[in-house]
């Protein structure tokens, strides 16, 4: 999965983006949040698992 696909899935799950040029912080109304690097590079499986753990959602 690349960062663009991840950002699209986060938006579909109701997360709102706020952030700077290189990174974006995604927040949900229930208090969950994560930070994602912007760009179109591939996300390592270990990092994707950590993001899933932070959010309590399966993204794959």
PDB file of N, CA and C in Angstrom:
ATOM      1  N   UNK A   1       0.850  -1.168   0.000  1.00  0.00           N
ATOM      2  CA  UNK A   1       0.000   0.000   0.000  1.00  0.00           C
ATOM      3  C   UNK A   1       0.899   1.234   0.000  1.00  0.00           C
ATOM      4  N   UNK A   2       0.527   2.225  -0.807  1.00  0.00           N
ATOM      5  CA  UNK A   2       1.302   3.454  -0.798  1.00  0.00           C
ATOM      6  C   UNK A   2       0.569   4.521   0.014  1.00  0.00           C
ATOM      7  N   UNK A   3       1.222   5.649   0.229  1.00  0.00           N
ATOM      8  CA  UNK A   3       0.651   6.678   1.102  1.00  0.00           C
ATOM      9  C   UNK A   3      -0.634   7.271   0.539  1.00  0.00           C
ATOM     10  N   UNK A   4      -0.740   7.398  -0.752  1.00  0.00           N
ATOM     11  CA  UNK A   4      -1.969   7.945  -1.340  1.00  0.00           C
ATOM     12  C   UNK A   4      -3.166   7.041  -1.064  1.00  0.00           C
ATOM     13  N   UNK A   5      -2.964   5.724  -1.177  1.00  0.00           N
ATOM     14  CA  UNK A   5      -4.039   4.775  -0.880  1.00  0.00           C
ATOM     15  C   UNK A   5      -4.427   4.835   0.592  1.00  0.00           C
ATOM     16  N   UNK A   6      -3.425   4.946   1.472  1.00  0.00           N
ATOM     17  CA  UNK A   6      -3.686   5.042   2.908  1.00  0.00           C
ATOM     18  C   UNK A   6      -4.484   6.299   3.243  1.00  0.00           C
ATOM     19  N   UNK A   7      -4.090   7.422   2.673  1.00  0.00           N
ATOM     20  CA  UNK A   7      -4.795   8.681   2.918  1.00  0.00           C
ATOM     21  C   UNK A   7      -6.241   8.578   2.436  1.00  0.00           C
ATOM     22  N   UNK A   8      -6.474   7.959   1.298  1.00  0.00           N
ATOM     23  CA  UNK A   8      -7.829   7.784   0.777  1.00  0.00           C
ATOM     24  C   UNK A   8      -8.666   6.936   1.736  1.00  0.00           C
ATOM     25  N   UNK A   9      -8.082   5.842   2.262  1.00  0.00           N
ATOM     26  CA  UNK A   9      -8.810   4.974   3.198  1.00  0.00           C
ATOM     27  C   UNK A   9      -9.117   5.699   4.492  1.00  0.00           C
ATOM     28  N   UNK A  10      -8.174   6.507   4.987  1.00  0.00           N
ATOM     29  CA  UNK A  10      -8.410   7.255   6.216  1.00  0.00           C
ATOM     30  C   UNK A  10      -9.563   8.234   6.037  1.00  0.00           C
ATOM     31  N   UNK A  11      -9.604   8.900   4.906  1.00  0.00           N
ATOM     32  CA  UNK A  11     -10.706   9.831   4.634  1.00  0.00           C
ATOM     33  C   UNK A  11     -12.036   9.096   4.558  1.00  0.00           C
ATOM     34  N   UNK A  12     -12.050   7.904   3.952  1.00  0.00           N
ATOM     35  CA  UNK A  12     -13.271   7.095   3.865  1.00  0.00           C
ATOM     36  C   UNK A  12     -13.769   6.690   5.252  1.00  0.00           C
ATOM     37  N   UNK A  13     -12.834   6.504   6.205  1.00  0.00           N
ATOM     38  CA  UNK A  13     -13.196   6.109   7.561  1.00  0.00           C
ATOM     39  C   UNK A  13     -13.620   7.298   8.430  1.00  0.00           C
ATOM     40  N   UNK A  14     -13.582   8.506   7.861  1.00  0.00           N
ATOM     41  CA  UNK A  14     -14.043   9.677   8.590  1.00  0.00           C
ATOM     42  C   UNK A  14     -12.956  10.496   9.261  1.00  0.00           C
ATOM     43  N   UNK A  15     -11.698  10.245   8.927  1.00  0.00           N
ATOM     44  CA  UNK A  15     -10.596  11.018   9.501  1.00  0.00           C
ATOM     45  C   UNK A  15     -10.426  12.313   8.714  1.00  0.00           C
ATOM     46  N   UNK A  16     -10.145  13.394   9.441  1.00  0.00           N
ATOM     47  CA  UNK A  16      -9.931  14.690   8.810  1.00  0.00           C
ATOM     48  C   UNK A  16      -8.459  15.036   8.851  1.00  0.00           C
ATOM     49  N   UNK A  17      -7.968  15.603   7.765  1.00  0.00           N
ATOM     50  CA  UNK A  17      -6.549  15.898   7.610  1.00  0.00           C
ATOM     51  C   UNK A  17      -6.222  17.304   8.097  1.00  0.00           C
ATOM     52  N   UNK A  18      -5.119  17.403   8.824  1.00  0.00           N
ATOM     53  CA  UNK A  18      -4.538  18.694   9.144  1.00  0.00           C
ATOM     54  C   UNK A  18      -3.036  18.476   9.185  1.00  0.00           C
ATOM     55  N   UNK A  19      -2.278  19.445   8.768  1.00  0.00           N
ATOM     56  CA  UNK A  19      -0.842  19.220   8.794  1.00  0.00           C
ATOM     57  C   UNK A  19      -0.055  20.169   7.945  1.00  0.00           C
ATOM     58  N   UNK A  20       1.192  19.796   7.768  1.00  0.00           N
ATOM     59  CA  UNK A  20       2.146  20.630   7.063  1.00  0.00           C
ATOM     60  C   UNK A  20       2.404  20.067   5.669  1.00  0.00           C
ATOM     61  N   UNK A  21       3.481  20.512   5.064  1.00  0.00           N
ATOM     62  CA  UNK A  21       3.786  20.097   3.695  1.00  0.00           C
ATOM     63  C   UNK A  21       4.213  18.637   3.585  1.00  0.00           C
ATOM     64  N   UNK A  22       5.038  18.158   4.517  1.00  0.00           N
ATOM     65  CA  UNK A  22       5.596  16.815   4.385  1.00  0.00           C
ATOM     66  C   UNK A  22       4.812  15.739   5.127  1.00  0.00           C
ATOM     67  N   UNK A  23       4.088  16.104   6.174  1.00  0.00           N
ATOM     68  CA  UNK A  23       3.327  15.140   6.959  1.00  0.00           C
ATOM     69  C   UNK A  23       1.922  15.665   7.189  1.00  0.00           C
ATOM     70  N   UNK A  24       0.996  14.743   7.360  1.00  0.00           N
ATOM     71  CA  UNK A  24      -0.393  15.113   7.639  1.00  0.00           C
ATOM     72  C   UNK A  24      -0.849  14.369   8.883  1.00  0.00           C
ATOM     73  N   UNK A  25      -1.532  15.068   9.759  1.00  0.00           N
ATOM     74  CA  UNK A  25      -2.097  14.454  10.948  1.00  0.00           C
ATOM     75  C   UNK A  25      -3.570  14.208  10.664  1.00  0.00           C
ATOM     76  N   UNK A  26      -3.999  12.979  10.856  1.00  0.00           N
ATOM     77  CA  UNK A  26      -5.385  12.606  10.613  1.00  0.00           C
ATOM     78  C   UNK A  26      -6.066  12.380  11.952  1.00  0.00           C
ATOM     79  N   UNK A  27      -7.155  13.117  12.184  1.00  0.00           N
ATOM     80  CA  UNK A  27      -7.900  13.024  13.432  1.00  0.00           C
ATOM     81  C   UNK A  27      -9.323  12.565  13.150  1.00  0.00           C
ATOM     82  N   UNK A  28      -9.832  11.787  14.092  1.00  0.00           N
ATOM     83  CA  UNK A  28     -11.227  11.340  14.028  1.00  0.00           C
ATOM     84  C   UNK A  28     -11.985  12.044  15.140  1.00  0.00           C
ATOM     85  N   UNK A  29     -13.276  12.193  14.993  1.00  0.00           N
ATOM     86  CA  UNK A  29     -14.072  12.898  15.999  1.00  0.00           C
ATOM     87  C   UNK A  29     -14.087  12.178  17.346  1.00  0.00           C
ATOM     88  N   UNK A  30     -13.789  10.880  17.365  1.00  0.00           N
ATOM     89  CA  UNK A  30     -13.765  10.140  18.626  1.00  0.00           C
ATOM     90  C   UNK A  30     -12.418  10.206  19.341  1.00  0.00           C
ATOM     91  N   UNK A  31     -11.459  10.958  18.786  1.00  0.00           N
ATOM     92  CA  UNK A  31     -10.178  11.173  19.450  1.00  0.00           C
ATOM     93  C   UNK A  31      -9.006  10.393  18.884  1.00  0.00           C
ATOM     94  N   UNK A  32      -9.255   9.431  18.009  1.00  0.00           N
ATOM     95  CA  UNK A  32      -8.151   8.680  17.413  1.00  0.00           C
ATOM     96  C   UNK A  32      -7.394   9.571  16.432  1.00  0.00           C
ATOM     97  N   UNK A  33      -6.066   9.344  16.316  1.00  0.00           N
ATOM     98  CA  UNK A  33      -5.278  10.122  15.367  1.00  0.00           C
ATOM     99  C   UNK A  33      -4.016   9.360  14.986  1.00  0.00           C
ATOM    100  N   UNK A  34      -3.438   9.757  13.851  1.00  0.00           N
ATOM    101  CA  UNK A  34      -2.162   9.229  13.394  1.00  0.00           C
ATOM    102  C   UNK A  34      -1.520  10.251  12.467  1.00  0.00           C
ATOM    103  N   UNK A  35      -0.222  10.094  12.240  1.00  0.00           N
ATOM    104  CA  UNK A  35       0.525  10.975  11.348  1.00  0.00           C
ATOM    105  C   UNK A  35       1.006  10.157  10.162  1.00  0.00           C
ATOM    106  N   UNK A  36       0.805  10.700   8.958  1.00  0.00           N
ATOM    107  CA  UNK A  36       1.193  10.010   7.727  1.00  0.00           C
ATOM    108  C   UNK A  36       2.056  10.944   6.898  1.00  0.00           C
ATOM    109  N   UNK A  37       3.148  10.407   6.374  1.00  0.00           N
ATOM    110  CA  UNK A  37       4.008  11.159   5.469  1.00  0.00           C
ATOM    111  C   UNK A  37       3.294  11.322   4.137  1.00  0.00           C
ATOM    112  N   UNK A  38       3.340  12.524   3.579  1.00  0.00           N
ATOM    113  CA  UNK A  38       2.717  12.745   2.277  1.00  0.00           C
ATOM    114  C   UNK A  38       3.659  12.281   1.175  1.00  0.00           C
ATOM    115  N   UNK A  39       3.137  12.032   0.017  1.00  0.00           N
ATOM    116  CA  UNK A  39       3.934  11.567  -1.105  1.00  0.00           C
ATOM    117  C   UNK A  39       3.278  10.338  -1.691  1.00  0.00           C
ATOM    118  N   UNK A  40       4.015   9.591  -2.475  1.00  0.00           N
ATOM    119  CA  UNK A  40       3.439   8.398  -3.107  1.00  0.00           C
ATOM    120  C   UNK A  40       4.341   7.187  -2.933  1.00  0.00           C
ATOM    121  N   UNK A  41       5.091   7.123  -1.841  1.00  0.00           N
ATOM    122  CA  UNK A  41       5.979   5.982  -1.638  1.00  0.00           C
ATOM    123  C   UNK A  41       5.258   4.841  -0.927  1.00  0.00           C
ATOM    124  N   UNK A  42       5.812   3.655  -1.013  1.00  0.00           N
ATOM    125  CA  UNK A  42       5.236   2.476  -0.386  1.00  0.00           C
ATOM    126  C   UNK A  42       5.428   2.532   1.128  1.00  0.00           C
ATOM    127  N   UNK A  43       4.429   2.038   1.855  1.00  0.00           N
ATOM    128  CA  UNK A  43       4.497   1.995   3.311  1.00  0.00           C
ATOM    129  C   UNK A  43       4.915   0.595   3.714  1.00  0.00           C
ATOM    130  N   UNK A  44       5.930   0.518   4.568  1.00  0.00           N
ATOM    131  CA  UNK A  44       6.420  -0.754   5.083  1.00  0.00           C
ATOM    132  C   UNK A  44       5.313  -1.453   5.871  1.00  0.00           C
ATOM    133  N   UNK A  45       5.256  -2.763   5.804  1.00  0.00           N
ATOM    134  CA  UNK A  45       4.210  -3.536   6.463  1.00  0.00           C
ATOM    135  C   UNK A  45       4.216  -3.310   7.982  1.00  0.00           C
ATOM    136  N   UNK A  46       5.396  -3.215   8.589  1.00  0.00           N
ATOM    137  CA  UNK A  46       5.474  -2.978  10.031  1.00  0.00           C
ATOM    138  C   UNK A  46       4.870  -1.629  10.404  1.00  0.00           C
ATOM    139  N   UNK A  47       5.131  -0.600   9.612  1.00  0.00           N
ATOM    140  CA  UNK A  47       4.562   0.722   9.868  1.00  0.00           C
ATOM    141  C   UNK A  47       3.047   0.695   9.687  1.00  0.00           C
ATOM    142  N   UNK A  48       2.575  -0.007   8.688  1.00  0.00           N
ATOM    143  CA  UNK A  48       1.138  -0.113   8.457  1.00  0.00           C
ATOM    144  C   UNK A  48       0.453  -0.804   9.637  1.00  0.00           C
ATOM    145  N   UNK A  49       1.090  -1.844  10.188  1.00  0.00           N
ATOM    146  CA  UNK A  49       0.542  -2.528  11.356  1.00  0.00           C
ATOM    147  C   UNK A  49       0.473  -1.590  12.554  1.00  0.00           C
ATOM    148  N   UNK A  50       1.487  -0.750  12.750  1.00  0.00           N
ATOM    149  CA  UNK A  50       1.495   0.212  13.856  1.00  0.00           C
ATOM    150  C   UNK A  50       0.370   1.226  13.697  1.00  0.00           C
ATOM    151  N   UNK A  51       0.152   1.700  12.469  1.00  0.00           N
ATOM    152  CA  UNK A  51      -0.929   2.652  12.212  1.00  0.00           C
ATOM    153  C   UNK A  51      -2.273   1.992  12.485  1.00  0.00           C
ATOM    154  N   UNK A  52      -2.437   0.746  12.050  1.00  0.00           N
ATOM    155  CA  UNK A  52      -3.676   0.019  12.323  1.00  0.00           C
ATOM    156  C   UNK A  52      -3.904  -0.130  13.824  1.00  0.00           C
ATOM    157  N   UNK A  53      -2.832  -0.395  14.554  1.00  0.00           N
ATOM    158  CA  UNK A  53      -2.925  -0.549  16.002  1.00  0.00           C
ATOM    159  C   UNK A  53      -3.334   0.780  16.655  1.00  0.00           C
ATOM    160  N   UNK A  54      -2.770   1.894  16.210  1.00  0.00           N
ATOM    161  CA  UNK A  54      -3.121   3.206  16.738  1.00  0.00           C
ATOM    162  C   UNK A  54      -4.597   3.513  16.517  1.00  0.00           C
ATOM    163  N   UNK A  55      -5.094   3.163  15.340  1.00  0.00           N
ATOM    164  CA  UNK A  55      -6.451   3.534  14.954  1.00  0.00           C
ATOM    165  C   UNK A  55      -7.504   2.514  15.355  1.00  0.00           C
ATOM    166  N   UNK A  56      -7.075   1.279  15.627  1.00  0.00           N
ATOM    167  CA  UNK A  56      -8.033   0.232  15.930  1.00  0.00           C
ATOM    168  C   UNK A  56      -8.843  -0.183  14.714  1.00  0.00           C
ATOM    169  N   UNK A  57      -8.264  -0.042  13.539  1.00  0.00           N
ATOM    170  CA  UNK A  57      -8.927  -0.355  12.260  1.00  0.00           C
ATOM    171  C   UNK A  57      -7.999  -1.194  11.397  1.00  0.00           C
ATOM    172  N   UNK A  58      -8.570  -2.099  10.604  1.00  0.00           N
ATOM    173  CA  UNK A  58      -7.799  -2.827   9.601  1.00  0.00           C
ATOM    174  C   UNK A  58      -7.823  -2.009   8.302  1.00  0.00           C
ATOM    175  N   UNK A  59      -6.661  -1.726   7.767  1.00  0.00           N
ATOM    176  CA  UNK A  59      -6.564  -0.906   6.552  1.00  0.00           C
ATOM    177  C   UNK A  59      -6.172  -1.731   5.335  1.00  0.00           C
ATOM    178  N   UNK A  60      -5.760  -2.963   5.528  1.00  0.00           N
ATOM    179  CA  UNK A  60      -5.327  -3.804   4.413  1.00  0.00           C
ATOM    180  C   UNK A  60      -6.467  -4.598   3.860  1.00  0.00           C
TER     181      UNK A  60
END
